[in-house]
Amino acid sequence: MIEFTGVWRTFKVGDQEVAALRDINLELLAGEYVSIMGPSGSGKSTLLNLIGLLDRPTSGIYRLDGQDVTTLDDAEQARIRSEKIGFVFQFFHLVPRLSAAMNIELPLLLAGVAPDERKQRVTQLLQSYGLSERADHRPDQLSGGQRQRVAIARATSMHPLVLLADEPTGNLDQATGKEVMTLLEQLVSQGVALILVTHDPGLGKRATRQLRMVDGQIVSDTRNEA
């Protein structure tokens, strides 16, 4: 489903060129549960941004769901991102002035989903994530766990093929973090691919496949079907 072939991502820093990713060759399958670990600056977030079409490789090819998305223009990439990729971040990135229900509805609105369908999906997601009684609350009126549940509901509102989670429990207490991980892992059982970036070895080991990155390269790729 996700295929990188010879992907590099370099940046100019002053008069020097710095390689954030070096010759990445990677294939991730539909419905796979993958963690990406490594020290700060190892390229984890850069890789996640490329997968999520938030950035472009300097060279190499990226295929998503069988399509070469490397050279698509910004509008085409935005459409594919909306249809096939969901995002969950450490700091939630909810729109402060919008209610929980409106935050969940936003991707559907931007994608042009019909009003009746939007209402049905939002109602179902609020119920699924135990947020029905908080539907009209703004993010500053919600707990951290509730905000992350809103973020997960928003990320899955378009029925994505892949969910990208960047330190999704990093801003939560341990108990709430476990609840959030359980919700994310339930999505894997429904066929959604989950790609998790984390500094926490305990969280990383929960994945059935673990990638470790150092200096922009994947130095280990371990499967743990158990």
C-alpha atoms as a PDB file:
ATOM      1  CA  MET A   1       0.000   0.000   0.000  1.00  0.00           C
ATOM      2  CA  ILE A   2       2.884   2.379   0.848  1.00  0.00           C
ATOM      3  CA  GLU A   3       6.077   1.958  -1.155  1.00  0.00           C
ATOM      4  CA  PHE A   4       9.221   4.090  -1.001  1.00  0.00           C
ATOM      5  CA  THR A   5      11.929   3.468  -3.587  1.00  0.00           C
ATOM      6  CA  GLY A   6      15.282   5.211  -3.175  1.00  0.00           C
ATOM      7  CA  VAL A   7      13.771   8.157  -1.290  1.00  0.00           C
ATOM      8  CA  TRP A   8      16.016  10.974  -0.101  1.00  0.00           C
ATOM      9  CA  ARG A   9      15.000  14.171   1.686  1.00  0.00           C
ATOM     10  CA  THR A  10      17.669  16.837   1.959  1.00  0.00           C
ATOM     11  CA  PHE A  11      17.578  20.377   3.353  1.00  0.00           C
ATOM     12  CA  LYS A  12      19.817  23.397   2.904  1.00  0.00           C
ATOM     13  CA  VAL A  13      21.281  24.648   6.183  1.00  0.00           C
ATOM     14  CA  GLY A  14      23.374  27.690   5.389  1.00  0.00           C
ATOM     15  CA  ASP A  15      25.774  26.612   2.684  1.00  0.00           C
ATOM     16  CA  GLN A  16      25.546  22.934   3.645  1.00  0.00           C
ATOM     17  CA  GLU A  17      23.148  20.232   2.497  1.00  0.00           C
ATOM     18  CA  VAL A  18      21.804  18.000   5.265  1.00  0.00           C
ATOM     19  CA  ALA A  19      20.166  14.620   4.540  1.00  0.00           C
ATOM     20  CA  ALA A  20      17.163  13.996   6.794  1.00  0.00           C
ATOM     21  CA  LEU A  21      16.359  10.762   4.927  1.00  0.00           C
ATOM     22  CA  ARG A  22      18.916   8.656   3.077  1.00  0.00           C
ATOM     23  CA  ASP A  23      17.937   6.189   0.357  1.00  0.00           C
ATOM     24  CA  ILE A  24      14.787   4.844   2.042  1.00  0.00           C
ATOM     25  CA  ASN A  25      13.384   1.647   0.535  1.00  0.00           C
ATOM     26  CA  LEU A  26      10.255   0.578   2.363  1.00  0.00           C
ATOM     27  CA  GLU A  27       6.991  -1.264   1.793  1.00  0.00           C
ATOM     28  CA  LEU A  28       4.111  -1.070   4.258  1.00  0.00           C
ATOM     29  CA  LEU A  29       1.053  -3.260   3.779  1.00  0.00           C
ATOM     30  CA  ALA A  30      -2.635  -2.459   4.116  1.00  0.00           C
ATOM     31  CA  GLY A  31      -3.864  -2.955   7.681  1.00  0.00           C
ATOM     32  CA  GLU A  32      -0.345  -3.172   9.112  1.00  0.00           C
ATOM     33  CA  TYR A  33       0.520  -1.854  12.595  1.00  0.00           C
ATOM     34  CA  VAL A  34       3.958  -0.244  12.418  1.00  0.00           C
ATOM     35  CA  SER A  35       5.957   1.754  14.947  1.00  0.00           C
ATOM     36  CA  ILE A  36       8.831   4.045  13.982  1.00  0.00           C
ATOM     37  CA  MET A  37      11.402   4.644  16.714  1.00  0.00           C
ATOM     38  CA  GLY A  38      14.810   6.237  17.031  1.00  0.00           C
ATOM     39  CA  PRO A  39      16.592   9.169  18.670  1.00  0.00           C
ATOM     40  CA  SER A  40      15.638  12.795  18.051  1.00  0.00           C
ATOM     41  CA  GLY A  41      16.816  13.908  14.628  1.00  0.00           C
ATOM     42  CA  SER A  42      16.839  10.390  13.213  1.00  0.00           C
ATOM     43  CA  GLY A  43      14.264  11.184  10.506  1.00  0.00           C
ATOM     44  CA  LYS A  44      11.101   9.746  12.082  1.00  0.00           C
ATOM     45  CA  SER A  45       8.923  12.821  11.661  1.00  0.00           C
ATOM     46  CA  THR A  46      10.370  13.558   8.219  1.00  0.00           C
ATOM     47  CA  LEU A  47       9.387  10.068   7.096  1.00  0.00           C
ATOM     48  CA  LEU A  48       5.909  10.495   8.561  1.00  0.00           C
ATOM     49  CA  ASN A  49       5.494  13.846   6.793  1.00  0.00           C
ATOM     50  CA  LEU A  50       6.425  12.273   3.458  1.00  0.00           C
ATOM     51  CA  ILE A  51       3.995   9.397   3.976  1.00  0.00           C
ATOM     52  CA  GLY A  52       1.284  11.914   4.849  1.00  0.00           C
ATOM     53  CA  LEU A  53       1.981  14.054   1.754  1.00  0.00           C
ATOM     54  CA  LEU A  54       2.856  17.010   3.963  1.00  0.00           C
ATOM     55  CA  ASP A  55       6.288  17.158   2.322  1.00  0.00           C
ATOM     56  CA  ARG A  56       7.919  15.925  -0.866  1.00  0.00           C
ATOM     57  CA  PRO A  57      11.032  13.785  -1.322  1.00  0.00           C
ATOM     58  CA  THR A  58      14.076  15.417  -2.845  1.00  0.00           C
ATOM     59  CA  SER A  59      14.532  12.302  -4.987  1.00  0.00           C
ATOM     60  CA  GLY A  60      13.081   8.815  -5.244  1.00  0.00           C
ATOM     61  CA  ILE A  61       9.546   7.509  -5.754  1.00  0.00           C
ATOM     62  CA  TYR A  62       6.612   7.255  -3.347  1.00  0.00           C
ATOM     63  CA  ARG A  63       3.645   5.082  -4.324  1.00  0.00           C
ATOM     64  CA  LEU A  64       0.451   5.141  -2.264  1.00  0.00           C
ATOM     65  CA  ASP A  65      -2.215   2.526  -2.910  1.00  0.00           C
ATOM     66  CA  GLY A  66      -0.503   1.687  -6.191  1.00  0.00           C
ATOM     67  CA  GLN A  67      -0.281   5.282  -7.447  1.00  0.00           C
ATOM     68  CA  ASP A  68       2.913   7.260  -7.899  1.00  0.00           C
ATOM     69  CA  VAL A  69       2.164  10.388  -5.860  1.00  0.00           C
ATOM     70  CA  THR A  70       5.674  11.853  -6.042  1.00  0.00           C
ATOM     71  CA  THR A  71       5.064  14.334  -8.839  1.00  0.00           C
ATOM     72  CA  LEU A  72       1.391  15.178  -8.288  1.00  0.00           C
ATOM     73  CA  ASP A  73       0.604  18.852  -7.905  1.00  0.00           C
ATOM     74  CA  ASP A  74      -0.452  20.311  -4.548  1.00  0.00           C
ATOM     75  CA  ALA A  75      -4.182  20.092  -5.273  1.00  0.00           C
ATOM     76  CA  GLU A  76      -3.981  16.422  -6.292  1.00  0.00           C
ATOM     77  CA  GLN A  77      -1.901  15.574  -3.230  1.00  0.00           C
ATOM     78  CA  ALA A  78      -4.384  17.403  -0.989  1.00  0.00           C
ATOM     79  CA  ARG A  79      -7.258  15.391  -2.453  1.00  0.00           C
ATOM     80  CA  ILE A  80      -5.489  12.078  -1.901  1.00  0.00           C
ATOM     81  CA  ARG A  81      -4.450  13.128   1.606  1.00  0.00           C
ATOM     82  CA  SER A  82      -8.067  13.966   2.428  1.00  0.00           C
ATOM     83  CA  GLU A  83      -9.406  10.694   1.050  1.00  0.00           C
ATOM     84  CA  LYS A  84      -6.792   8.196   2.212  1.00  0.00           C
ATOM     85  CA  ILE A  85      -4.771   9.546   5.178  1.00  0.00           C
ATOM     86  CA  GLY A  86      -5.720  10.471   8.730  1.00  0.00           C
ATOM     87  CA  PHE A  87      -3.506  12.269  11.264  1.00  0.00           C
ATOM     88  CA  VAL A  88      -3.324  12.174  15.062  1.00  0.00           C
ATOM     89  CA  PHE A  89      -0.822  14.494  16.742  1.00  0.00           C
ATOM     90  CA  GLN A  90       0.623  14.892  20.236  1.00  0.00           C
ATOM     91  CA  PHE A  91      -0.944  18.332  20.699  1.00  0.00           C
ATOM     92  CA  PHE A  92      -4.307  17.430  19.100  1.00  0.00           C
ATOM     93  CA  HIS A  93      -4.382  20.387  16.633  1.00  0.00           C
ATOM     94  CA  LEU A  94      -8.109  20.957  17.079  1.00  0.00           C
ATOM     95  CA  VAL A  95      -9.636  24.255  15.948  1.00  0.00           C
ATOM     96  CA  PRO A  96     -10.114  26.158  19.250  1.00  0.00           C
ATOM     97  CA  ARG A  97     -13.290  28.021  18.320  1.00  0.00           C
ATOM     98  CA  LEU A  98     -15.110  24.957  16.980  1.00  0.00           C
ATOM     99  CA  SER A  99     -17.081  22.457  19.041  1.00  0.00           C
ATOM    100  CA  ALA A 100     -16.105  18.787  19.215  1.00  0.00           C
ATOM    101  CA  ALA A 101     -18.774  17.919  16.646  1.00  0.00           C
ATOM    102  CA  MET A 102     -17.646  20.686  14.292  1.00  0.00           C
ATOM    103  CA  ASN A 103     -13.999  19.639  14.564  1.00  0.00           C
ATOM    104  CA  ILE A 104     -14.978  16.096  13.588  1.00  0.00           C
ATOM    105  CA  GLU A 105     -17.118  17.404  10.730  1.00  0.00           C
ATOM    106  CA  LEU A 106     -14.441  19.684   9.280  1.00  0.00           C
ATOM    107  CA  PRO A 107     -12.708  17.135   6.958  1.00  0.00           C
ATOM    108  CA  LEU A 108     -16.110  16.035   5.658  1.00  0.00           C
ATOM    109  CA  LEU A 109     -17.087  19.635   4.965  1.00  0.00           C
ATOM    110  CA  LEU A 110     -13.826  20.339   3.138  1.00  0.00           C
ATOM    111  CA  ALA A 111     -14.255  17.163   1.066  1.00  0.00           C
ATOM    112  CA  GLY A 112     -17.746  18.197  -0.028  1.00  0.00           C
ATOM    113  CA  VAL A 113     -19.611  15.357   1.694  1.00  0.00           C
ATOM    114  CA  ALA A 114     -23.377  15.959   1.605  1.00  0.00           C
ATOM    115  CA  PRO A 115     -24.929  17.481   4.771  1.00  0.00           C
ATOM    116  CA  ASP A 116     -27.065  14.451   5.648  1.00  0.00           C
ATOM    117  CA  GLU A 117     -24.082  12.123   5.299  1.00  0.00           C
ATOM    118  CA  ARG A 118     -21.920  14.494   7.378  1.00  0.00           C
ATOM    119  CA  LYS A 119     -24.480  14.574  10.168  1.00  0.00           C
ATOM    120  CA  GLN A 120     -24.797  10.777  10.170  1.00  0.00           C
ATOM    121  CA  ARG A 121     -21.038  10.189  10.297  1.00  0.00           C
ATOM    122  CA  VAL A 122     -20.436  12.795  13.022  1.00  0.00           C
ATOM    123  CA  THR A 123     -23.236  11.410  15.186  1.00  0.00           C
ATOM    124  CA  GLN A 124     -21.875   7.877  14.784  1.00  0.00           C
ATOM    125  CA  LEU A 125     -18.319   8.941  15.609  1.00  0.00           C
ATOM    126  CA  LEU A 126     -19.399  10.897  18.680  1.00  0.00           C
ATOM    127  CA  GLN A 127     -21.200   7.804  19.924  1.00  0.00           C
ATOM    128  CA  SER A 128     -18.331   5.451  19.063  1.00  0.00           C
ATOM    129  CA  TYR A 129     -15.809   7.524  21.010  1.00  0.00           C
ATOM    130  CA  GLY A 130     -18.042   8.301  23.990  1.00  0.00           C
ATOM    131  CA  LEU A 131     -18.296  11.988  23.120  1.00  0.00           C
ATOM    132  CA  SER A 132     -22.030  12.465  22.552  1.00  0.00           C
ATOM    133  CA  GLU A 133     -22.434  14.488  25.741  1.00  0.00           C
ATOM    134  CA  ARG A 134     -19.453  16.670  24.769  1.00  0.00           C
ATOM    135  CA  ALA A 135     -20.539  17.356  21.185  1.00  0.00           C
ATOM    136  CA  ASP A 136     -21.088  21.078  21.774  1.00  0.00           C
ATOM    137  CA  HIS A 137     -17.987  21.635  23.915  1.00  0.00           C
ATOM    138  CA  ARG A 138     -14.964  23.523  22.587  1.00  0.00           C
ATOM    139  CA  PRO A 139     -11.484  21.973  23.008  1.00  0.00           C
ATOM    140  CA  ASP A 140     -10.703  24.160  26.041  1.00  0.00           C
ATOM    141  CA  GLN A 141     -13.747  22.631  27.740  1.00  0.00           C
ATOM    142  CA  LEU A 142     -12.505  19.068  27.234  1.00  0.00           C
ATOM    143  CA  SER A 143      -9.936  16.944  29.044  1.00  0.00           C
ATOM    144  CA  GLY A 144      -6.774  15.844  27.275  1.00  0.00           C
ATOM    145  CA  GLY A 145      -8.166  12.377  26.682  1.00  0.00           C
ATOM    146  CA  GLN A 146     -11.412  13.783  25.293  1.00  0.00           C
ATOM    147  CA  ARG A 147      -9.503  16.105  22.973  1.00  0.00           C
ATOM    148  CA  GLN A 148      -7.457  13.194  21.648  1.00  0.00           C
ATOM    149  CA  ARG A 149     -10.633  11.165  21.098  1.00  0.00           C
ATOM    150  CA  VAL A 150     -12.045  14.079  19.101  1.00  0.00           C
ATOM    151  CA  ALA A 151      -8.804  14.134  17.101  1.00  0.00           C
ATOM    152  CA  ILE A 152      -9.042  10.393  16.392  1.00  0.00           C
ATOM    153  CA  ALA A 153     -12.700  10.729  15.388  1.00  0.00           C
ATOM    154  CA  ARG A 154     -11.784  13.591  13.053  1.00  0.00           C
ATOM    155  CA  ALA A 155      -8.889  11.577  11.590  1.00  0.00           C
ATOM    156  CA  THR A 156     -11.164   8.633  10.793  1.00  0.00           C
ATOM    157  CA  SER A 157     -14.187  10.581   9.541  1.00  0.00           C
ATOM    158  CA  MET A 158     -13.140  10.089   5.904  1.00  0.00           C
ATOM    159  CA  HIS A 159     -12.503   6.337   6.362  1.00  0.00           C
ATOM    160  CA  PRO A 160      -8.766   6.560   5.608  1.00  0.00           C
ATOM    161  CA  LEU A 161      -6.579   3.672   4.480  1.00  0.00           C
ATOM    162  CA  VAL A 162      -3.781   4.746   6.814  1.00  0.00           C
ATOM    163  CA  LEU A 163      -3.656   6.598  10.127  1.00  0.00           C
ATOM    164  CA  LEU A 164      -0.450   8.444  11.039  1.00  0.00           C
ATOM    165  CA  ALA A 165       0.042   8.973  14.773  1.00  0.00           C
ATOM    166  CA  ASP A 166       2.899  11.225  15.909  1.00  0.00           C
ATOM    167  CA  GLU A 167       3.505  10.741  19.663  1.00  0.00           C
ATOM    168  CA  PRO A 168      -0.286  10.461  20.242  1.00  0.00           C
ATOM    169  CA  THR A 169       0.091   9.831  23.991  1.00  0.00           C
ATOM    170  CA  GLY A 170       2.931  12.279  24.599  1.00  0.00           C
ATOM    171  CA  ASN A 171       0.653  14.924  26.139  1.00  0.00           C
ATOM    172  CA  LEU A 172      -1.461  12.530  28.206  1.00  0.00           C
ATOM    173  CA  ASP A 173      -1.166  10.820  31.573  1.00  0.00           C
ATOM    174  CA  GLN A 174      -0.362   7.108  31.558  1.00  0.00           C
ATOM    175  CA  ALA A 175      -3.899   5.819  32.100  1.00  0.00           C
ATOM    176  CA  THR A 176      -5.396   8.082  29.441  1.00  0.00           C
ATOM    177  CA  GLY A 177      -2.563   7.197  27.080  1.00  0.00           C
ATOM    178  CA  LYS A 178      -3.422   3.509  27.395  1.00  0.00           C
ATOM    179  CA  GLU A 179      -7.050   4.267  26.575  1.00  0.00           C
ATOM    180  CA  VAL A 180      -6.029   6.209  23.481  1.00  0.00           C
ATOM    181  CA  MET A 181      -3.731   3.414  22.283  1.00  0.00           C
ATOM    182  CA  THR A 182      -6.546   0.903  22.717  1.00  0.00           C
ATOM    183  CA  LEU A 183      -8.765   3.057  20.493  1.00  0.00           C
ATOM    184  CA  LEU A 184      -6.064   3.337  17.845  1.00  0.00           C
ATOM    185  CA  GLU A 185      -5.367  -0.399  17.909  1.00  0.00           C
ATOM    186  CA  GLN A 186      -9.054  -1.163  17.468  1.00  0.00           C
ATOM    187  CA  LEU A 187      -8.838   0.652  14.147  1.00  0.00           C
ATOM    188  CA  VAL A 188      -6.128  -1.789  13.023  1.00  0.00           C
ATOM    189  CA  SER A 189      -8.551  -4.643  13.650  1.00  0.00           C
ATOM    190  CA  GLN A 190     -10.949  -2.849  11.271  1.00  0.00           C
ATOM    191  CA  GLY A 191      -8.349  -2.845   8.478  1.00  0.00           C
ATOM    192  CA  VAL A 192      -6.818   0.618   8.917  1.00  0.00           C
ATOM    193  CA  ALA A 193      -3.009   0.729   8.705  1.00  0.00           C
ATOM    194  CA  LEU A 194      -1.569   2.438  11.808  1.00  0.00           C
ATOM    195  CA  ILE A 195       1.875   4.054  11.632  1.00  0.00           C
ATOM    196  CA  LEU A 196       3.028   5.249  15.034  1.00  0.00           C
ATOM    197  CA  VAL A 197       6.018   7.500  15.733  1.00  0.00           C
ATOM    198  CA  THR A 198       7.112   7.256  19.348  1.00  0.00           C
ATOM    199  CA  HIS A 199      10.054   7.690  21.691  1.00  0.00           C
ATOM    200  CA  ASP A 200       8.467   5.224  24.122  1.00  0.00           C
ATOM    201  CA  PRO A 201       9.896   1.678  23.676  1.00  0.00           C
ATOM    202  CA  GLY A 202       6.881   0.233  25.489  1.00  0.00           C
ATOM    203  CA  LEU A 203       4.478   1.731  22.983  1.00  0.00           C
ATOM    204  CA  GLY A 204       6.716   0.820  20.072  1.00  0.00           C
ATOM    205  CA  LYS A 205       6.774  -2.833  21.066  1.00  0.00           C
ATOM    206  CA  ARG A 206       2.982  -3.020  20.898  1.00  0.00           C
ATOM    207  CA  ALA A 207       3.192  -2.776  17.115  1.00  0.00           C
ATOM    208  CA  THR A 208       3.442  -5.947  15.047  1.00  0.00           C
ATOM    209  CA  ARG A 209       6.229  -4.361  13.021  1.00  0.00           C
ATOM    210  CA  GLN A 210       8.921  -2.066  14.423  1.00  0.00           C
ATOM    211  CA  LEU A 211      11.220   0.172  12.408  1.00  0.00           C
ATOM    212  CA  ARG A 212      14.234   1.837  14.006  1.00  0.00           C
ATOM    213  CA  MET A 213      15.855   4.868  12.421  1.00  0.00           C
ATOM    214  CA  VAL A 214      19.294   6.396  12.929  1.00  0.00           C
ATOM    215  CA  ASP A 215      20.737   9.306  10.922  1.00  0.00           C
ATOM    216  CA  GLY A 216      17.999   9.233   8.302  1.00  0.00           C
ATOM    217  CA  GLN A 217      18.211   5.513   7.622  1.00  0.00           C
ATOM    218  CA  ILE A 218      16.165   2.494   8.660  1.00  0.00           C
ATOM    219  CA  VAL A 219      18.656   0.382  10.567  1.00  0.00           C
ATOM    220  CA  SER A 220      16.296  -2.383  11.694  1.00  0.00           C
ATOM    221  CA  ASP A 221      12.916  -3.756  10.611  1.00  0.00           C
ATOM    222  CA  THR A 222      11.484  -6.270  13.071  1.00  0.00           C
ATOM    223  CA  ARG A 223       8.202  -8.182  12.932  1.00  0.00           C
ATOM    224  CA  ASN A 224       6.499  -9.456  16.048  1.00  0.00           C
ATOM    225  CA  GLU A 225       3.358 -11.267  14.993  1.00  0.00           C
ATOM    226  CA  ALA A 226       2.730 -12.350  18.560  1.00  0.00           C
END
